[in-house]
Amino acid sequence: MIELEGFAVYPDQIATAREWMTFLRTHQAAVDRTLIPEHLARESIFSITLNGRFYLCWYSEQTAPAPAVTDSQDPIDRRHVDYWQRCIDESVPPLRFSLENHFMPPAR
């Protein structure tokens, strides 16, 4: 499954959201290990300001259904969930992008 979704950040939590992204970047190897039980082949996070609102957008390629990250006991996931709860304004509908095409070069 390939997804691209964007989530609004509370206006007063943009600095915390940037701190969150720095935390993920500086713990790259530990974050990468959390992708295995989540069946994620790839995950990328983008940011955009749209109509004056700051969003974090997740692109992911998942190979199988996975347990909710909120159920994980991994310290990286716990910190990730904490940042999510502090930063993401779930009262704003997420941006959900529809996949129209997906291209990959043939296996070599």
PDB file of N, CA and C in Angstrom:
ATOM      1  N   MET A   1       0.846  -1.168   0.000  1.00  0.00           N
ATOM      2  CA  MET A   1       0.000   0.000   0.000  1.00  0.00           C
ATOM      3  C   MET A   1       0.898   1.241   0.000  1.00  0.00           C
ATOM      4  N   ILE A   2       0.582   2.168  -0.843  1.00  0.00           N
ATOM      5  CA  ILE A   2       1.316   3.423  -0.930  1.00  0.00           C
ATOM      6  C   ILE A   2       0.369   4.540  -0.505  1.00  0.00           C
ATOM      7  N   GLU A   3       0.841   5.382   0.420  1.00  0.00           N
ATOM      8  CA  GLU A   3       0.006   6.471   0.921  1.00  0.00           C
ATOM      9  C   GLU A   3       0.787   7.775   0.981  1.00  0.00           C
ATOM     10  N   LEU A   4       0.048   8.855   0.823  1.00  0.00           N
ATOM     11  CA  LEU A   4       0.554  10.193   1.085  1.00  0.00           C
ATOM     12  C   LEU A   4      -0.555  10.928   1.817  1.00  0.00           C
ATOM     13  N   GLU A   5      -0.253  11.328   3.057  1.00  0.00           N
ATOM     14  CA  GLU A   5      -1.229  12.033   3.885  1.00  0.00           C
ATOM     15  C   GLU A   5      -0.558  13.212   4.564  1.00  0.00           C
ATOM     16  N   GLY A   6      -1.309  14.291   4.733  1.00  0.00           N
ATOM     17  CA  GLY A   6      -0.787  15.475   5.405  1.00  0.00           C
ATOM     18  C   GLY A   6      -1.633  15.806   6.625  1.00  0.00           C
ATOM     19  N   PHE A   7      -0.961  16.227   7.688  1.00  0.00           N
ATOM     20  CA  PHE A   7      -1.641  16.506   8.947  1.00  0.00           C
ATOM     21  C   PHE A   7      -1.274  17.902   9.432  1.00  0.00           C
ATOM     22  N   ALA A   8      -2.304  18.657   9.796  1.00  0.00           N
ATOM     23  CA  ALA A   8      -2.107  20.031  10.255  1.00  0.00           C
ATOM     24  C   ALA A   8      -1.427  20.041  11.620  1.00  0.00           C
ATOM     25  N   VAL A   9      -0.474  20.953  11.757  1.00  0.00           N
ATOM     26  CA  VAL A   9       0.226  21.156  13.026  1.00  0.00           C
ATOM     27  C   VAL A   9      -0.440  22.336  13.727  1.00  0.00           C
ATOM     28  N   TYR A  10      -0.629  22.198  15.045  1.00  0.00           N
ATOM     29  CA  TYR A  10      -1.145  23.342  15.804  1.00  0.00           C
ATOM     30  C   TYR A  10      -0.241  24.546  15.545  1.00  0.00           C
ATOM     31  N   PRO A  11      -0.808  25.717  15.292  1.00  0.00           N
ATOM     32  CA  PRO A  11       0.023  26.895  14.998  1.00  0.00           C
ATOM     33  C   PRO A  11       1.065  27.209  16.073  1.00  0.00           C
ATOM     34  N   ASP A  12       0.751  26.943  17.330  1.00  0.00           N
ATOM     35  CA  ASP A  12       1.712  27.242  18.395  1.00  0.00           C
ATOM     36  C   ASP A  12       2.690  26.091  18.657  1.00  0.00           C
ATOM     37  N   GLN A  13       2.641  25.041  17.807  1.00  0.00           N
ATOM     38  CA  GLN A  13       3.523  23.885  17.985  1.00  0.00           C
ATOM     39  C   GLN A  13       4.464  23.654  16.799  1.00  0.00           C
ATOM     40  N   ILE A  14       4.592  24.643  15.931  1.00  0.00           N
ATOM     41  CA  ILE A  14       5.464  24.473  14.763  1.00  0.00           C
ATOM     42  C   ILE A  14       6.910  24.246  15.189  1.00  0.00           C
ATOM     43  N   ALA A  15       7.387  24.991  16.169  1.00  0.00           N
ATOM     44  CA  ALA A  15       8.769  24.792  16.644  1.00  0.00           C
ATOM     45  C   ALA A  15       8.931  23.386  17.221  1.00  0.00           C
ATOM     46  N   THR A  16       7.922  22.898  17.920  1.00  0.00           N
ATOM     47  CA  THR A  16       7.982  21.541  18.471  1.00  0.00           C
ATOM     48  C   THR A  16       7.962  20.517  17.345  1.00  0.00           C
ATOM     49  N   ALA A  17       7.191  20.768  16.292  1.00  0.00           N
ATOM     50  CA  ALA A  17       7.161  19.866  15.144  1.00  0.00           C
ATOM     51  C   ALA A  17       8.530  19.820  14.467  1.00  0.00           C
ATOM     52  N   ARG A  18       9.195  20.933  14.371  1.00  0.00           N
ATOM     53  CA  ARG A  18      10.546  20.951  13.785  1.00  0.00           C
ATOM     54  C   ARG A  18      11.528  20.198  14.688  1.00  0.00           C
ATOM     55  N   GLU A  19      11.355  20.345  16.000  1.00  0.00           N
ATOM     56  CA  GLU A  19      12.166  19.581  16.959  1.00  0.00           C
ATOM     57  C   GLU A  19      11.940  18.084  16.759  1.00  0.00           C
ATOM     58  N   TRP A  20      10.684  17.696  16.540  1.00  0.00           N
ATOM     59  CA  TRP A  20      10.309  16.306  16.283  1.00  0.00           C
ATOM     60  C   TRP A  20      11.052  15.768  15.060  1.00  0.00           C
ATOM     61  N   MET A  21      11.045  16.536  13.984  1.00  0.00           N
ATOM     62  CA  MET A  21      11.726  16.097  12.771  1.00  0.00           C
ATOM     63  C   MET A  21      13.234  15.978  13.004  1.00  0.00           C
ATOM     64  N   THR A  22      13.789  16.894  13.778  1.00  0.00           N
ATOM     65  CA  THR A  22      15.215  16.811  14.126  1.00  0.00           C
ATOM     66  C   THR A  22      15.479  15.560  14.952  1.00  0.00           C
ATOM     67  N   PHE A  23      14.606  15.269  15.907  1.00  0.00           N
ATOM     68  CA  PHE A  23      14.740  14.057  16.719  1.00  0.00           C
ATOM     69  C   PHE A  23      14.770  12.822  15.822  1.00  0.00           C
ATOM     70  N   LEU A  24      13.850  12.728  14.878  1.00  0.00           N
ATOM     71  CA  LEU A  24      13.819  11.569  13.979  1.00  0.00           C
ATOM     72  C   LEU A  24      15.090  11.476  13.146  1.00  0.00           C
ATOM     73  N   ARG A  25      15.557  12.608  12.630  1.00  0.00           N
ATOM     74  CA  ARG A  25      16.785  12.632  11.828  1.00  0.00           C
ATOM     75  C   ARG A  25      18.003  12.204  12.639  1.00  0.00           C
ATOM     76  N   THR A  26      18.079  12.655  13.878  1.00  0.00           N
ATOM     77  CA  THR A  26      19.266  12.355  14.692  1.00  0.00           C
ATOM     78  C   THR A  26      19.220  10.953  15.304  1.00  0.00           C
ATOM     79  N   HIS A  27      18.112  10.266  15.139  1.00  0.00           N
ATOM     80  CA  HIS A  27      17.982   8.884  15.605  1.00  0.00           C
ATOM     81  C   HIS A  27      17.639   7.961  14.420  1.00  0.00           C
ATOM     82  N   GLN A  28      18.234   8.258  13.279  1.00  0.00           N
ATOM     83  CA  GLN A  28      17.914   7.583  12.017  1.00  0.00           C
ATOM     84  C   GLN A  28      17.962   6.057  12.115  1.00  0.00           C
ATOM     85  N   ALA A  29      19.030   5.496  12.655  1.00  0.00           N
ATOM     86  CA  ALA A  29      19.161   4.034  12.700  1.00  0.00           C
ATOM     87  C   ALA A  29      18.061   3.416  13.564  1.00  0.00           C
ATOM     88  N   ALA A  30      17.761   4.024  14.685  1.00  0.00           N
ATOM     89  CA  ALA A  30      16.709   3.504  15.569  1.00  0.00           C
ATOM     90  C   ALA A  30      15.339   3.634  14.905  1.00  0.00           C
ATOM     91  N   VAL A  31      15.112   4.744  14.226  1.00  0.00           N
ATOM     92  CA  VAL A  31      13.844   4.930  13.509  1.00  0.00           C
ATOM     93  C   VAL A  31      13.719   3.880  12.410  1.00  0.00           C
ATOM     94  N   ASP A  32      14.783   3.679  11.650  1.00  0.00           N
ATOM     95  CA  ASP A  32      14.751   2.687  10.569  1.00  0.00           C
ATOM     96  C   ASP A  32      14.383   1.298  11.101  1.00  0.00           C
ATOM     97  N   ARG A  33      14.877   0.937  12.283  1.00  0.00           N
ATOM     98  CA  ARG A  33      14.551  -0.375  12.866  1.00  0.00           C
ATOM     99  C   ARG A  33      13.055  -0.490  13.189  1.00  0.00           C
ATOM    100  N   THR A  34      12.407   0.619  13.532  1.00  0.00           N
ATOM    101  CA  THR A  34      10.973   0.550  13.850  1.00  0.00           C
ATOM    102  C   THR A  34      10.126   0.264  12.615  1.00  0.00           C
ATOM    103  N   LEU A  35      10.681   0.487  11.440  1.00  0.00           N
ATOM    104  CA  LEU A  35       9.920   0.263  10.213  1.00  0.00           C
ATOM    105  C   LEU A  35       9.688  -1.223   9.944  1.00  0.00           C
ATOM    106  N   ILE A  36      10.584  -2.072  10.454  1.00  0.00           N
ATOM    107  CA  ILE A  36      10.489  -3.515  10.186  1.00  0.00           C
ATOM    108  C   ILE A  36       9.180  -4.096  10.730  1.00  0.00           C
ATOM    109  N   PRO A  37       8.862  -3.940  12.034  1.00  0.00           N
ATOM    110  CA  PRO A  37       7.595  -4.507  12.514  1.00  0.00           C
ATOM    111  C   PRO A  37       6.357  -3.799  11.953  1.00  0.00           C
ATOM    112  N   GLU A  38       6.548  -2.611  11.414  1.00  0.00           N
ATOM    113  CA  GLU A  38       5.430  -1.881  10.807  1.00  0.00           C
ATOM    114  C   GLU A  38       5.257  -2.231   9.328  1.00  0.00           C
ATOM    115  N   HIS A  39       6.097  -3.116   8.819  1.00  0.00           N
ATOM    116  CA  HIS A  39       6.056  -3.564   7.427  1.00  0.00           C
ATOM    117  C   HIS A  39       6.195  -2.391   6.453  1.00  0.00           C
ATOM    118  N   LEU A  40       6.995  -1.430   6.836  1.00  0.00           N
ATOM    119  CA  LEU A  40       7.212  -0.270   5.970  1.00  0.00           C
ATOM    120  C   LEU A  40       8.491  -0.452   5.163  1.00  0.00           C
ATOM    121  N   ALA A  41       8.339  -0.441   3.859  1.00  0.00           N
ATOM    122  CA  ALA A  41       9.503  -0.514   2.979  1.00  0.00           C
ATOM    123  C   ALA A  41      10.150   0.858   2.847  1.00  0.00           C
ATOM    124  N   ARG A  42       9.329   1.901   3.018  1.00  0.00           N
ATOM    125  CA  ARG A  42       9.822   3.270   2.858  1.00  0.00           C
ATOM    126  C   ARG A  42       8.872   4.207   3.569  1.00  0.00           C
ATOM    127  N   GLU A  43       9.438   5.206   4.221  1.00  0.00           N
ATOM    128  CA  GLU A  43       8.639   6.269   4.828  1.00  0.00           C
ATOM    129  C   GLU A  43       9.433   7.564   4.709  1.00  0.00           C
ATOM    130  N   SER A  44       8.774   8.587   4.226  1.00  0.00           N
ATOM    131  CA  SER A  44       9.385   9.905   4.099  1.00  0.00           C
ATOM    132  C   SER A  44       8.409  10.924   4.664  1.00  0.00           C
ATOM    133  N   ILE A  45       8.943  11.961   5.287  1.00  0.00           N
ATOM    134  CA  ILE A  45       8.096  13.007   5.850  1.00  0.00           C
ATOM    135  C   ILE A  45       8.461  14.321   5.178  1.00  0.00           C
ATOM    136  N   PHE A  46       7.443  15.002   4.682  1.00  0.00           N
ATOM    137  CA  PHE A  46       7.593  16.292   4.031  1.00  0.00           C
ATOM    138  C   PHE A  46       6.835  17.328   4.847  1.00  0.00           C
ATOM    139  N   SER A  47       7.176  18.591   4.639  1.00  0.00           N
ATOM    140  CA  SER A  47       6.395  19.665   5.256  1.00  0.00           C
ATOM    141  C   SER A  47       5.962  20.637   4.170  1.00  0.00           C
ATOM    142  N   ILE A  48       4.833  21.291   4.454  1.00  0.00           N
ATOM    143  CA  ILE A  48       4.314  22.292   3.521  1.00  0.00           C
ATOM    144  C   ILE A  48       3.469  23.282   4.322  1.00  0.00           C
ATOM    145  N   THR A  49       3.486  24.510   3.878  1.00  0.00           N
ATOM    146  CA  THR A  49       2.560  25.500   4.415  1.00  0.00           C
ATOM    147  C   THR A  49       1.512  25.727   3.340  1.00  0.00           C
ATOM    148  N   LEU A  50       0.259  25.468   3.685  1.00  0.00           N
ATOM    149  CA  LEU A  50      -0.845  25.535   2.741  1.00  0.00           C
ATOM    150  C   LEU A  50      -1.922  26.442   3.326  1.00  0.00           C
ATOM    151  N   ASN A  51      -2.241  27.504   2.608  1.00  0.00           N
ATOM    152  CA  ASN A  51      -3.232  28.477   3.093  1.00  0.00           C
ATOM    153  C   ASN A  51      -2.891  28.969   4.503  1.00  0.00           C
ATOM    154  N   GLY A  52      -1.602  29.184   4.739  1.00  0.00           N
ATOM    155  CA  GLY A  52      -1.145  29.710   6.019  1.00  0.00           C
ATOM    156  C   GLY A  52      -1.050  28.674   7.129  1.00  0.00           C
ATOM    157  N   ARG A  53      -1.339  27.416   6.835  1.00  0.00           N
ATOM    158  CA  ARG A  53      -1.294  26.353   7.842  1.00  0.00           C
ATOM    159  C   ARG A  53      -0.128  25.426   7.553  1.00  0.00           C
ATOM    160  N   PHE A  54       0.668  25.108   8.578  1.00  0.00           N
ATOM    161  CA  PHE A  54       1.811  24.210   8.443  1.00  0.00           C
ATOM    162  C   PHE A  54       1.349  22.770   8.584  1.00  0.00           C
ATOM    163  N   TYR A  55       1.772  21.925   7.648  1.00  0.00           N
ATOM    164  CA  TYR A  55       1.420  20.501   7.637  1.00  0.00           C
ATOM    165  C   TYR A  55       2.685  19.654   7.601  1.00  0.00           C
ATOM    166  N   LEU A  56       2.608  18.500   8.229  1.00  0.00           N
ATOM    167  CA  LEU A  56       3.590  17.439   8.035  1.00  0.00           C
ATOM    168  C   LEU A  56       2.900  16.363   7.213  1.00  0.00           C
ATOM    169  N   CYS A  57       3.598  15.897   6.177  1.00  0.00           N
ATOM    170  CA  CYS A  57       3.020  14.943   5.238  1.00  0.00           C
ATOM    171  C   CYS A  57       3.855  13.670   5.205  1.00  0.00           C
ATOM    172  N   TRP A  58       3.196  12.545   5.368  1.00  0.00           N
ATOM    173  CA  TRP A  58       3.855  11.246   5.374  1.00  0.00           C
ATOM    174  C   TRP A  58       3.616  10.528   4.059  1.00  0.00           C
ATOM    175  N   TYR A  59       4.720  10.102   3.439  1.00  0.00           N
ATOM    176  CA  TYR A  59       4.679   9.217   2.276  1.00  0.00           C
ATOM    177  C   TYR A  59       5.154   7.863   2.782  1.00  0.00           C
ATOM    178  N   SER A  60       4.386   6.815   2.512  1.00  0.00           N
ATOM    179  CA  SER A  60       4.817   5.492   2.974  1.00  0.00           C
ATOM    180  C   SER A  60       4.475   4.421   1.960  1.00  0.00           C
ATOM    181  N   GLU A  61       5.309   3.394   1.977  1.00  0.00           N
ATOM    182  CA  GLU A  61       5.073   2.181   1.199  1.00  0.00           C
ATOM    183  C   GLU A  61       5.086   1.040   2.203  1.00  0.00           C
ATOM    184  N   GLN A  62       3.916   0.425   2.385  1.00  0.00           N
ATOM    185  CA  GLN A  62       3.751  -0.625   3.377  1.00  0.00           C
ATOM    186  C   GLN A  62       3.495  -1.942   2.665  1.00  0.00           C
ATOM    187  N   THR A  63       4.175  -3.001   3.090  1.00  0.00           N
ATOM    188  CA  THR A  63       4.076  -4.294   2.411  1.00  0.00           C
ATOM    189  C   THR A  63       3.002  -5.205   2.991  1.00  0.00           C
ATOM    190  N   ALA A  64       2.498  -4.895   4.193  1.00  0.00           N
ATOM    191  CA  ALA A  64       1.462  -5.704   4.841  1.00  0.00           C
ATOM    192  C   ALA A  64       0.826  -4.866   5.942  1.00  0.00           C
ATOM    193  N   PRO A  65      -0.364  -5.239   6.385  1.00  0.00           N
ATOM    194  CA  PRO A  65      -0.968  -4.509   7.512  1.00  0.00           C
ATOM    195  C   PRO A  65      -0.054  -4.593   8.741  1.00  0.00           C
ATOM    196  N   ALA A  66      -0.117  -3.562   9.559  1.00  0.00           N
ATOM    197  CA  ALA A  66       0.759  -3.501  10.730  1.00  0.00           C
ATOM    198  C   ALA A  66      -0.039  -3.084  11.955  1.00  0.00           C
ATOM    199  N   PRO A  67       0.479  -3.422  13.128  1.00  0.00           N
ATOM    200  CA  PRO A  67      -0.176  -2.942  14.348  1.00  0.00           C
ATOM    201  C   PRO A  67      -0.047  -1.420  14.446  1.00  0.00           C
ATOM    202  N   ALA A  68      -0.949  -0.816  15.175  1.00  0.00           N
ATOM    203  CA  ALA A  68      -0.911   0.642  15.350  1.00  0.00           C
ATOM    204  C   ALA A  68       0.357   1.049  16.089  1.00  0.00           C
ATOM    205  N   VAL A  69       0.973   2.121  15.637  1.00  0.00           N
ATOM    206  CA  VAL A  69       2.189   2.610  16.293  1.00  0.00           C
ATOM    207  C   VAL A  69       1.903   2.985  17.748  1.00  0.00           C
ATOM    208  N   THR A  70       0.673   3.330  18.052  1.00  0.00           N
ATOM    209  CA  THR A  70       0.312   3.683  19.430  1.00  0.00           C
ATOM    210  C   THR A  70       0.386   2.480  20.361  1.00  0.00           C
ATOM    211  N   ASP A  71       0.399   1.267  19.814  1.00  0.00           N
ATOM    212  CA  ASP A  71       0.518   0.057  20.626  1.00  0.00           C
ATOM    213  C   ASP A  71       1.966  -0.358  20.850  1.00  0.00           C
ATOM    214  N   SER A  72       2.887   0.262  20.139  1.00  0.00           N
ATOM    215  CA  SER A  72       4.304  -0.105  20.241  1.00  0.00           C
ATOM    216  C   SER A  72       4.891   0.321  21.582  1.00  0.00           C
ATOM    217  N   GLN A  73       5.784  -0.513  22.096  1.00  0.00           N
ATOM    218  CA  GLN A  73       6.506  -0.183  23.322  1.00  0.00           C
ATOM    219  C   GLN A  73       7.930   0.289  23.027  1.00  0.00           C
ATOM    220  N   ASP A  74       8.296   0.350  21.753  1.00  0.00           N
ATOM    221  CA  ASP A  74       9.622   0.823  21.373  1.00  0.00           C
ATOM    222  C   ASP A  74       9.783   2.274  21.822  1.00  0.00           C
ATOM    223  N   PRO A  75      10.903   2.618  22.465  1.00  0.00           N
ATOM    224  CA  PRO A  75      11.094   3.992  22.951  1.00  0.00           C
ATOM    225  C   PRO A  75      11.017   5.054  21.852  1.00  0.00           C
ATOM    226  N   ILE A  76      11.494   4.733  20.661  1.00  0.00           N
ATOM    227  CA  ILE A  76      11.414   5.685  19.543  1.00  0.00           C
ATOM    228  C   ILE A  76       9.953   5.906  19.160  1.00  0.00           C
ATOM    229  N   ASP A  77       9.195   4.829  19.051  1.00  0.00           N
ATOM    230  CA  ASP A  77       7.772   4.958  18.723  1.00  0.00           C
ATOM    231  C   ASP A  77       7.019   5.716  19.810  1.00  0.00           C
ATOM    232  N   ARG A  78       7.342   5.458  21.068  1.00  0.00           N
ATOM    233  CA  ARG A  78       6.672   6.157  22.177  1.00  0.00           C
ATOM    234  C   ARG A  78       6.922   7.665  22.068  1.00  0.00           C
ATOM    235  N   ARG A  79       8.171   8.035  21.770  1.00  0.00           N
ATOM    236  CA  ARG A  79       8.502   9.458  21.621  1.00  0.00           C
ATOM    237  C   ARG A  79       7.788  10.051  20.415  1.00  0.00           C
ATOM    238  N   HIS A  80       7.737   9.288  19.330  1.00  0.00           N
ATOM    239  CA  HIS A  80       7.055   9.712  18.107  1.00  0.00           C
ATOM    240  C   HIS A  80       5.572   9.988  18.401  1.00  0.00           C
ATOM    241  N   VAL A  81       4.916   9.084  19.111  1.00  0.00           N
ATOM    242  CA  VAL A  81       3.500   9.241  19.467  1.00  0.00           C
ATOM    243  C   VAL A  81       3.317  10.464  20.366  1.00  0.00           C
ATOM    244  N   ASP A  82       4.240  10.674  21.299  1.00  0.00           N
ATOM    245  CA  ASP A  82       4.158  11.847  22.179  1.00  0.00           C
ATOM    246  C   ASP A  82       4.220  13.136  21.357  1.00  0.00           C
ATOM    247  N   TYR A  83       5.169  13.214  20.429  1.00  0.00           N
ATOM    248  CA  TYR A  83       5.252  14.393  19.566  1.00  0.00           C
ATOM    249  C   TYR A  83       3.958  14.557  18.765  1.00  0.00           C
ATOM    250  N   TRP A  84       3.462  13.459  18.210  1.00  0.00           N
ATOM    251  CA  TRP A  84       2.220  13.506  17.427  1.00  0.00           C
ATOM    252  C   TRP A  84       1.098  14.130  18.255  1.00  0.00           C
ATOM    253  N   GLN A  85       0.922  13.634  19.462  1.00  0.00           N
ATOM    254  CA  GLN A  85      -0.167  14.118  20.308  1.00  0.00           C
ATOM    255  C   GLN A  85      -0.012  15.596  20.658  1.00  0.00           C
ATOM    256  N   ARG A  86       1.228  16.064  20.788  1.00  0.00           N
ATOM    257  CA  ARG A  86       1.458  17.474  21.106  1.00  0.00           C
ATOM    258  C   ARG A  86       1.319  18.381  19.893  1.00  0.00           C
ATOM    259  N   CYS A  87       1.633  17.862  18.706  1.00  0.00           N
ATOM    260  CA  CYS A  87       1.764  18.717  17.525  1.00  0.00           C
ATOM    261  C   CYS A  87       0.613  18.656  16.530  1.00  0.00           C
ATOM    262  N   ILE A  88       0.020  17.500  16.336  1.00  0.00           N
ATOM    263  CA  ILE A  88      -0.951  17.326  15.254  1.00  0.00           C
ATOM    264  C   ILE A  88      -2.356  17.707  15.725  1.00  0.00           C
ATOM    265  N   ASP A  89      -2.967  18.609  14.969  1.00  0.00           N
ATOM    266  CA  ASP A  89      -4.326  19.075  15.258  1.00  0.00           C
ATOM    267  C   ASP A  89      -5.305  18.159  14.534  1.00  0.00           C
ATOM    268  N   GLU A  90      -5.789  17.158  15.244  1.00  0.00           N
ATOM    269  CA  GLU A  90      -6.667  16.166  14.625  1.00  0.00           C
ATOM    270  C   GLU A  90      -8.071  16.692  14.365  1.00  0.00           C
ATOM    271  N   SER A  91      -8.356  17.927  14.794  1.00  0.00           N
ATOM    272  CA  SER A  91      -9.662  18.517  14.463  1.00  0.00           C
ATOM    273  C   SER A  91      -9.689  19.015  13.018  1.00  0.00           C
ATOM    274  N   VAL A  92      -8.518  19.142  12.402  1.00  0.00           N
ATOM    275  CA  VAL A  92      -8.418  19.550  10.998  1.00  0.00           C
ATOM    276  C   VAL A  92      -8.384  18.277  10.150  1.00  0.00           C
ATOM    277  N   PRO A  93      -9.275  18.146   9.180  1.00  0.00           N
ATOM    278  CA  PRO A  93      -9.252  16.940   8.340  1.00  0.00           C
ATOM    279  C   PRO A  93      -7.889  16.787   7.661  1.00  0.00           C
ATOM    280  N   PRO A  94      -7.362  15.562   7.645  1.00  0.00           N
ATOM    281  CA  PRO A  94      -6.064  15.355   6.993  1.00  0.00           C
ATOM    282  C   PRO A  94      -6.166  15.535   5.478  1.00  0.00           C
ATOM    283  N   LEU A  95      -5.041  15.857   4.887  1.00  0.00           N
ATOM    284  CA  LEU A  95      -4.932  15.889   3.434  1.00  0.00           C
ATOM    285  C   LEU A  95      -4.687  14.449   2.998  1.00  0.00           C
ATOM    286  N   ARG A  96      -5.564  13.914   2.206  1.00  0.00           N
ATOM    287  CA  ARG A  96      -5.407  12.542   1.719  1.00  0.00           C
ATOM    288  C   ARG A  96      -5.257  12.603   0.203  1.00  0.00           C
ATOM    289  N   PHE A  97      -4.138  12.134  -0.255  1.00  0.00           N
ATOM    290  CA  PHE A  97      -3.836  12.158  -1.676  1.00  0.00           C
ATOM    291  C   PHE A  97      -4.198  10.808  -2.283  1.00  0.00           C
ATOM    292  N   SER A  98      -4.787  10.841  -3.463  1.00  0.00           N
ATOM    293  CA  SER A  98      -5.146   9.610  -4.169  1.00  0.00           C
ATOM    294  C   SER A  98      -4.026   9.233  -5.120  1.00  0.00           C
ATOM    295  N   LEU A  99      -3.593   8.002  -5.042  1.00  0.00           N
ATOM    296  CA  LEU A  99      -2.550   7.503  -5.930  1.00  0.00           C
ATOM    297  C   LEU A  99      -3.152   7.297  -7.317  1.00  0.00           C
ATOM    298  N   GLU A 100      -2.603   7.965  -8.293  1.00  0.00           N
ATOM    299  CA  GLU A 100      -3.075   7.838  -9.675  1.00  0.00           C
ATOM    300  C   GLU A 100      -2.188   6.894 -10.479  1.00  0.00           C
ATOM    301  N   ASN A 101      -0.893   6.962 -10.265  1.00  0.00           N
ATOM    302  CA  ASN A 101       0.063   6.113 -10.979  1.00  0.00           C
ATOM    303  C   ASN A 101       1.255   5.860 -10.078  1.00  0.00           C
ATOM    304  N   HIS A 102       1.895   4.737 -10.291  1.00  0.00           N
ATOM    305  CA  HIS A 102       3.125   4.401  -9.571  1.00  0.00           C
ATOM    306  C   HIS A 102       4.055   3.743 -10.578  1.00  0.00           C
ATOM    307  N   PHE A 103       5.250   4.237 -10.684  1.00  0.00           N
ATOM    308  CA  PHE A 103       6.191   3.743 -11.684  1.00  0.00           C
ATOM    309  C   PHE A 103       7.449   3.250 -11.002  1.00  0.00           C
ATOM    310  N   MET A 104       7.986   2.142 -11.492  1.00  0.00           N
ATOM    311  CA  MET A 104       9.240   1.586 -11.000  1.00  0.00           C
ATOM    312  C   MET A 104      10.004   1.040 -12.190  1.00  0.00           C
ATOM    313  N   PRO A 105      11.314   1.186 -12.166  1.00  0.00           N
ATOM    314  CA  PRO A 105      12.077   0.585 -13.259  1.00  0.00           C
ATOM    315  C   PRO A 105      12.008  -0.944 -13.158  1.00  0.00           C
ATOM    316  N   PRO A 106      12.111  -1.625 -14.279  1.00  0.00           N
ATOM    317  CA  PRO A 106      12.085  -3.104 -14.229  1.00  0.00           C
ATOM    318  C   PRO A 106      13.291  -3.615 -13.442  1.00  0.00           C
ATOM    319  N   ALA A 107      13.123  -4.797 -12.854  1.00  0.00           N
ATOM    320  CA  ALA A 107      14.240  -5.424 -12.121  1.00  0.00           C
ATOM    321  C   ALA A 107      15.386  -5.651 -13.082  1.00  0.00           C
ATOM    322  N   ARG A 108      16.569  -5.442 -12.578  1.00  0.00           N
ATOM    323  CA  ARG A 108      17.744  -5.598 -13.459  1.00  0.00           C
ATOM    324  C   ARG A 108      18.383  -6.944 -13.281  1.00  0.00           C
TER     325      ARG A 108
END
